[in-house]
Amino acid sequence: MRTLAGATLAEAIHSRVIATALLAAIAAAAAGMFAASLALTDGAGIGAAVQGWLARIGAVFVLATFAVSSVVRDTDDKGLELVLSMPIPRSAYLLGKWAGMALAALALATLVAASLLPHAAPRAAAAWGASLFLELIIVASAGLLCAVTFASVVGSLAALAAFYSLARTMAAMIAIGHGNVAPADSPLFHAATVGLHGIAALLPRLDMYAPTAWLVTPGAELHGLPNMALQAAVYTIALLAAAAIDLSRKSV
């Protein structure tokens, strides 16, 4: 597992994952500075909000693409067959790949958090970076499951994008369903609302992670981080367990 984790981290470096994330962070910082220069008041807060949003999307995209392509490349290049021909369980392969991706996620979150220091307080940037790291952990775990299940880059990325989009927007959908203008007397609308609640019960609350309020509101970063860590641990275990079950059923 240590060997696989090191090899996965080395693959991330050689695949220009860190370099791409650095370019994305620089672009986000430039956009944040531009937005701050246009603001009439609270330029630092607006700059931090814009930069944080863009940097988070860039980090998620880069890590998701790497997580999927790394596993699919192992399958296509027969590297997975080579690893599993050794006297190790298949779960060790998944845990080794996940550990390497977790290290890459830590590097990405640290890089992005450091780029926010010109606009945000160090404590707020550190808490926001820790929250982003937990979000990236969930994305990496879901990417592993999708890559093992679909065994193709396009299908895996499409499934991962759907998972991430739903997890990010489900709370907003439910809030719209309970709004004052919602047709609550419609049976079809009620059934749709119940369905949304059922889907939301299975998905992580990714809208809670890396919140912009932490960067612009002093002291807001003290709330929510333990719950995020607990949720990330639960979903990581569940996603890795599902990937292990799926991999055990495949004839490699």
Protein backbone atom coordinates (compact mmCIF):
# COMPACT_ATOMS: atom_id res chain seq x y z
CA MET A 1 0.00 0.00 0.00
CA ARG A 2 2.85 2.40 0.76
CA THR A 3 4.43 1.57 -2.61
CA LEU A 4 1.15 2.16 -4.44
CA ALA A 5 0.56 5.41 -2.55
CA GLY A 6 4.03 6.68 -3.47
CA ALA A 7 3.61 5.60 -7.08
CA THR A 8 0.23 7.35 -7.29
CA LEU A 9 1.65 10.56 -5.85
CA ALA A 10 4.59 10.36 -8.28
CA GLU A 11 2.09 9.83 -11.10
CA ALA A 12 0.24 12.97 -10.00
CA ILE A 13 3.47 14.96 -10.14
CA HIS A 14 4.54 13.57 -13.52
CA SER A 15 1.00 14.09 -14.88
CA ARG A 16 1.34 17.82 -14.10
CA VAL A 17 -1.53 17.69 -11.61
CA ILE A 18 0.22 20.01 -9.16
CA ALA A 19 1.40 22.30 -11.96
CA THR A 20 -2.10 22.49 -13.43
CA ALA A 21 -3.55 23.28 -10.01
CA LEU A 22 -0.92 26.00 -9.58
CA LEU A 23 -1.92 27.59 -12.89
CA ALA A 24 -5.58 27.38 -11.87
CA ALA A 25 -4.78 29.03 -8.52
CA ILE A 26 -2.88 31.82 -10.27
CA ALA A 27 -5.78 32.39 -12.67
CA ALA A 28 -8.23 32.43 -9.75
CA ALA A 29 -6.03 34.90 -7.87
CA ALA A 30 -5.94 37.18 -10.91
CA ALA A 31 -9.73 37.00 -11.21
CA GLY A 32 -10.05 37.75 -7.49
CA MET A 33 -7.78 40.79 -7.76
CA PHE A 34 -9.77 42.04 -10.75
CA ALA A 35 -13.07 41.62 -8.88
CA ALA A 36 -11.63 43.38 -5.83
CA SER A 37 -10.51 46.32 -7.96
CA LEU A 38 -14.04 46.74 -9.32
CA ALA A 39 -15.76 46.60 -5.91
CA LEU A 40 -16.90 49.86 -4.35
CA THR A 41 -16.82 48.43 -0.82
CA ASP A 42 -15.25 45.37 0.84
CA GLY A 43 -12.92 44.71 -2.05
CA ALA A 44 -10.95 42.14 -0.05
CA GLY A 45 -14.08 40.14 0.76
CA ILE A 46 -15.31 40.13 -2.82
CA GLY A 47 -11.86 39.21 -4.10
CA ALA A 48 -11.63 36.32 -1.64
CA ALA A 49 -15.11 35.08 -2.58
CA VAL A 50 -14.40 35.09 -6.32
CA GLN A 51 -10.94 33.59 -5.95
CA GLY A 52 -12.10 30.90 -3.52
CA TRP A 53 -14.97 29.79 -5.75
CA LEU A 54 -12.82 29.57 -8.88
CA ALA A 55 -9.92 27.88 -7.08
CA ARG A 56 -12.22 25.28 -5.50
CA ILE A 57 -13.78 24.38 -8.86
CA GLY A 58 -10.33 24.12 -10.42
CA ALA A 59 -8.99 21.88 -7.65
CA VAL A 60 -12.02 19.57 -7.81
CA PHE A 61 -11.80 19.30 -11.60
CA VAL A 62 -8.07 18.55 -11.58
CA LEU A 63 -8.27 15.91 -8.83
CA ALA A 64 -11.38 14.26 -10.29
CA THR A 65 -9.75 13.96 -13.71
CA PHE A 66 -6.59 12.51 -12.20
CA ALA A 67 -8.44 10.03 -9.96
CA VAL A 68 -10.43 8.62 -12.87
CA SER A 69 -7.65 8.61 -15.46
CA SER A 70 -5.16 6.99 -13.07
CA VAL A 71 -7.35 3.93 -12.42
CA VAL A 72 -8.47 3.63 -16.05
CA ARG A 73 -4.84 3.86 -17.19
CA ASP A 74 -3.89 1.05 -14.83
CA THR A 75 -6.62 -1.10 -16.36
CA ASP A 76 -5.78 -0.29 -19.98
CA ASP A 77 -2.01 -0.70 -19.53
CA LYS A 78 -2.42 -4.00 -17.65
CA GLY A 79 -0.84 -2.45 -14.58
CA LEU A 80 -3.78 -3.56 -12.48
CA GLU A 81 -3.28 -7.16 -13.63
CA LEU A 82 0.39 -6.94 -12.64
CA VAL A 83 -0.43 -5.65 -9.16
CA LEU A 84 -3.17 -8.19 -8.56
CA SER A 85 -0.94 -11.04 -9.72
CA MET A 86 1.03 -10.45 -6.53
CA PRO A 87 -0.08 -12.01 -3.22
CA ILE A 88 -2.02 -8.94 -2.05
CA PRO A 89 -5.77 -8.40 -1.66
CA ARG A 90 -7.61 -6.21 -4.12
CA SER A 91 -8.61 -3.88 -1.32
CA ALA A 92 -4.92 -3.10 -0.81
CA TYR A 93 -4.78 -1.75 -4.38
CA LEU A 94 -7.74 0.54 -3.73
CA LEU A 95 -6.38 1.76 -0.40
CA GLY A 96 -2.95 2.39 -1.90
CA LYS A 97 -4.41 4.39 -4.80
CA TRP A 98 -6.67 6.28 -2.40
CA ALA A 99 -3.77 7.14 -0.08
CA GLY A 100 -1.79 8.56 -3.00
CA MET A 101 -4.77 10.59 -4.14
CA ALA A 102 -5.29 11.83 -0.58
CA LEU A 103 -1.71 13.11 -0.56
CA ALA A 104 -2.32 14.84 -3.88
CA ALA A 105 -5.54 16.33 -2.45
CA LEU A 106 -3.59 17.62 0.55
CA ALA A 107 -1.08 19.30 -1.76
CA LEU A 108 -3.87 20.88 -3.83
CA ALA A 109 -5.77 22.15 -0.77
CA THR A 110 -2.59 23.59 0.75
CA LEU A 111 -1.71 25.32 -2.51
CA VAL A 112 -5.16 26.82 -2.92
CA ALA A 113 -5.37 27.93 0.73
CA ALA A 114 -1.96 29.61 0.48
CA SER A 115 -3.08 31.53 -2.61
CA LEU A 116 -5.95 33.05 -0.57
CA LEU A 117 -3.70 34.68 2.01
CA PRO A 118 -3.61 38.09 0.24
CA HIS A 119 -7.41 38.37 0.65
CA ALA A 120 -8.20 36.33 3.78
CA ALA A 121 -6.84 35.99 7.30
CA PRO A 122 -4.40 33.10 7.82
CA ARG A 123 -6.76 31.35 10.24
CA ALA A 124 -9.69 31.62 7.85
CA ALA A 125 -7.61 30.46 4.89
CA ALA A 126 -6.32 27.46 6.87
CA ALA A 127 -9.83 26.41 7.96
CA TRP A 128 -11.15 26.87 4.44
CA GLY A 129 -8.24 24.82 3.07
CA ALA A 130 -8.98 22.02 5.56
CA SER A 131 -12.61 22.02 4.45
CA LEU A 132 -11.52 21.88 0.79
CA PHE A 133 -9.23 18.95 1.59
CA LEU A 134 -12.17 17.02 3.05
CA GLU A 135 -14.22 17.78 -0.04
CA LEU A 136 -11.40 16.59 -2.29
CA ILE A 137 -11.17 13.37 -0.26
CA ILE A 138 -14.82 12.62 -1.04
CA VAL A 139 -14.28 13.48 -4.72
CA ALA A 140 -11.25 11.17 -4.92
CA SER A 141 -13.18 8.32 -3.27
CA ALA A 142 -16.13 8.79 -5.63
CA GLY A 143 -13.70 8.95 -8.57
CA LEU A 144 -12.21 5.60 -7.57
CA LEU A 145 -15.66 4.02 -7.42
CA CYS A 146 -16.70 5.44 -10.80
CA ALA A 147 -13.45 4.37 -12.48
CA VAL A 148 -13.72 0.83 -11.12
CA THR A 149 -17.39 0.58 -12.10
CA PHE A 150 -17.36 2.10 -15.59
CA ALA A 151 -13.71 1.44 -16.61
CA SER A 152 -13.72 4.36 -19.06
CA VAL A 153 -12.66 7.96 -18.65
CA VAL A 154 -15.73 9.52 -20.28
CA GLY A 155 -18.31 7.40 -18.46
CA SER A 156 -16.54 7.73 -15.13
CA LEU A 157 -16.17 11.51 -15.39
CA ALA A 158 -19.81 11.86 -16.43
CA ALA A 159 -20.98 9.83 -13.43
CA LEU A 160 -18.64 11.73 -11.10
CA ALA A 161 -19.83 15.08 -12.47
CA ALA A 162 -23.45 14.05 -11.89
CA PHE A 163 -22.64 12.94 -8.33
CA TYR A 164 -20.79 16.16 -7.53
CA SER A 165 -23.40 18.43 -9.11
CA LEU A 166 -26.27 16.75 -7.25
CA ALA A 167 -24.38 16.80 -3.95
CA ARG A 168 -23.61 20.50 -4.42
CA THR A 169 -27.08 21.64 -5.50
CA MET A 170 -29.45 19.26 -3.69
CA ALA A 171 -29.89 21.59 -0.70
CA ALA A 172 -30.86 24.45 -3.04
CA MET A 173 -33.37 22.20 -4.84
CA ILE A 174 -34.99 21.23 -1.54
CA ALA A 175 -35.09 24.87 -0.43
CA ILE A 176 -36.89 25.79 -3.66
CA GLY A 177 -39.36 22.98 -3.04
CA HIS A 178 -40.24 24.47 0.34
CA GLY A 179 -40.47 28.05 -0.90
CA ASN A 180 -43.54 30.24 -0.60
CA VAL A 181 -44.29 30.05 -4.33
CA ALA A 182 -44.07 26.26 -4.48
CA PRO A 183 -47.34 24.51 -5.46
CA ALA A 184 -47.57 22.49 -2.24
CA ASP A 185 -51.12 21.28 -3.06
CA SER A 186 -49.94 19.45 -6.19
CA PRO A 187 -49.55 15.65 -5.69
CA LEU A 188 -46.90 15.49 -8.40
CA PHE A 189 -44.89 18.27 -6.79
CA HIS A 190 -45.20 16.57 -3.39
CA ALA A 191 -43.95 13.30 -4.86
CA ALA A 192 -41.02 15.11 -6.47
CA THR A 193 -40.16 16.75 -3.15
CA VAL A 194 -40.22 13.40 -1.36
CA GLY A 195 -37.97 11.97 -4.08
CA LEU A 196 -35.51 14.81 -3.66
CA HIS A 197 -35.38 14.20 0.09
CA GLY A 198 -34.69 10.52 -0.57
CA ILE A 199 -31.84 11.32 -2.95
CA ALA A 200 -30.44 13.92 -0.55
CA ALA A 201 -30.34 11.30 2.23
CA LEU A 202 -27.87 9.28 0.14
CA LEU A 203 -25.61 12.14 -0.91
CA PRO A 204 -23.02 14.12 1.07
CA ARG A 205 -23.74 17.78 1.76
CA LEU A 206 -20.95 19.12 -0.43
CA ASP A 207 -22.57 22.56 -0.38
CA MET A 208 -21.34 22.82 3.24
CA TYR A 209 -17.69 22.42 2.25
CA ALA A 210 -15.30 25.31 1.52
CA PRO A 211 -17.95 27.98 2.21
CA THR A 212 -17.26 31.49 1.05
CA ALA A 213 -18.51 32.89 4.38
CA TRP A 214 -15.41 31.53 6.09
CA LEU A 215 -13.24 33.80 3.97
CA VAL A 216 -15.23 36.98 4.47
CA THR A 217 -16.75 36.62 7.98
CA PRO A 218 -14.34 36.64 10.94
CA GLY A 219 -14.85 33.67 13.26
CA ALA A 220 -17.24 31.82 10.94
CA GLU A 221 -14.61 29.17 10.29
CA LEU A 222 -15.01 27.87 13.85
CA HIS A 223 -18.34 26.24 13.00
CA GLY A 224 -19.02 23.16 10.93
CA LEU A 225 -15.55 21.69 10.44
CA PRO A 226 -16.02 18.71 12.84
CA ASN A 227 -19.29 17.77 11.13
CA MET A 228 -17.58 17.99 7.74
CA ALA A 229 -14.79 15.70 8.93
CA LEU A 230 -17.29 13.14 10.25
CA GLN A 231 -19.31 13.25 7.04
CA ALA A 232 -16.17 12.90 4.91
CA ALA A 233 -15.07 9.86 6.93
CA VAL A 234 -18.47 8.15 6.61
CA TYR A 235 -18.79 8.69 2.86
CA THR A 236 -15.16 7.81 2.19
CA ILE A 237 -15.59 4.46 3.94
CA ALA A 238 -18.87 3.81 2.12
CA LEU A 239 -17.49 4.71 -1.31
CA LEU A 240 -14.30 2.69 -0.86
CA ALA A 241 -16.31 -0.29 0.39
CA ALA A 242 -18.53 -0.12 -2.70
CA ALA A 243 -15.46 0.12 -4.94
CA ALA A 244 -13.88 -2.88 -3.19
CA ILE A 245 -17.04 -4.96 -3.68
CA ASP A 246 -17.23 -3.99 -7.36
CA LEU A 247 -13.54 -4.73 -7.94
CA SER A 248 -13.82 -8.12 -6.22
CA ARG A 249 -16.52 -9.14 -8.71
CA LYS A 250 -14.48 -8.26 -11.78
CA SER A 251 -12.33 -10.77 -13.59
CA VAL A 252 -9.07 -8.91 -14.12
